[in-house]
Amino acid sequence: MPGETSNRGTEDRPSAAEGERGALVAVLVMVLLGVAGIFALS
């Protein structure tokens, strides 16, 4: 089962994985807000 192996890999360091994922989500949200603001002003 590939799903089980991937889950075990993420369980080794869940805090780091969650931190990286949270940072990526935050960056994506900021970019989307910036693009939306540009379209709103233009």
C-alpha atoms as a PDB file:
ATOM      1  CA  MET A   1       0.000   0.000   0.000  1.00  0.00           C
ATOM      2  CA  PRO A   2       1.685   3.249  -1.113  1.00  0.00           C
ATOM      3  CA  GLY A   3      -0.662   5.262   1.098  1.00  0.00           C
ATOM      4  CA  GLU A   4       0.597   3.569   4.258  1.00  0.00           C
ATOM      5  CA  THR A   5       4.230   4.187   3.359  1.00  0.00           C
ATOM      6  CA  SER A   6       3.594   7.872   2.661  1.00  0.00           C
ATOM      7  CA  ASN A   7       1.696   8.237   5.936  1.00  0.00           C
ATOM      8  CA  ARG A   8       4.592   6.647   7.850  1.00  0.00           C
ATOM      9  CA  GLY A   9       7.022   9.051   6.162  1.00  0.00           C
ATOM     10  CA  THR A  10       4.992  12.065   7.248  1.00  0.00           C
ATOM     11  CA  GLU A  11       4.527  10.674  10.786  1.00  0.00           C
ATOM     12  CA  ASP A  12       8.312  10.778  11.305  1.00  0.00           C
ATOM     13  CA  ARG A  13       8.163  14.574  11.580  1.00  0.00           C
ATOM     14  CA  PRO A  14       4.550  15.811  11.559  1.00  0.00           C
ATOM     15  CA  SER A  15       5.422  19.166  13.127  1.00  0.00           C
ATOM     16  CA  ALA A  16       7.919  20.009  10.374  1.00  0.00           C
ATOM     17  CA  ALA A  17       5.538  18.852   7.635  1.00  0.00           C
ATOM     18  CA  GLU A  18       2.691  20.905   9.103  1.00  0.00           C
ATOM     19  CA  GLY A  19       4.937  23.943   9.462  1.00  0.00           C
ATOM     20  CA  GLU A  20       6.100  23.755   5.864  1.00  0.00           C
ATOM     21  CA  ARG A  21       2.540  23.183   4.622  1.00  0.00           C
ATOM     22  CA  GLY A  22       1.255  26.113   6.679  1.00  0.00           C
ATOM     23  CA  ALA A  23       3.976  28.378   5.299  1.00  0.00           C
ATOM     24  CA  LEU A  24       3.167  27.366   1.725  1.00  0.00           C
ATOM     25  CA  VAL A  25      -0.541  27.968   2.286  1.00  0.00           C
ATOM     26  CA  ALA A  26       0.190  31.384   3.804  1.00  0.00           C
ATOM     27  CA  VAL A  27       2.342  32.370   0.811  1.00  0.00           C
ATOM     28  CA  LEU A  28      -0.318  31.189  -1.642  1.00  0.00           C
ATOM     29  CA  VAL A  29      -3.003  33.160   0.202  1.00  0.00           C
ATOM     30  CA  MET A  30      -0.863  36.302   0.165  1.00  0.00           C
ATOM     31  CA  VAL A  31      -0.225  35.917  -3.578  1.00  0.00           C
ATOM     32  CA  LEU A  32      -3.920  35.380  -4.293  1.00  0.00           C
ATOM     33  CA  LEU A  33      -4.851  38.430  -2.227  1.00  0.00           C
ATOM     34  CA  GLY A  34      -2.240  40.512  -4.058  1.00  0.00           C
ATOM     35  CA  VAL A  35      -3.516  39.413  -7.469  1.00  0.00           C
ATOM     36  CA  ALA A  36      -7.124  40.049  -6.399  1.00  0.00           C
ATOM     37  CA  GLY A  37      -6.135  43.514  -5.163  1.00  0.00           C
ATOM     38  CA  ILE A  38      -4.420  44.337  -8.450  1.00  0.00           C
ATOM     39  CA  PHE A  39      -7.507  43.297 -10.423  1.00  0.00           C
ATOM     40  CA  ALA A  40      -9.747  45.248  -8.044  1.00  0.00           C
ATOM     41  CA  LEU A  41      -7.685  48.427  -8.462  1.00  0.00           C
ATOM     42  CA  SER A  42      -7.372  48.072 -12.232  1.00  0.00           C
END
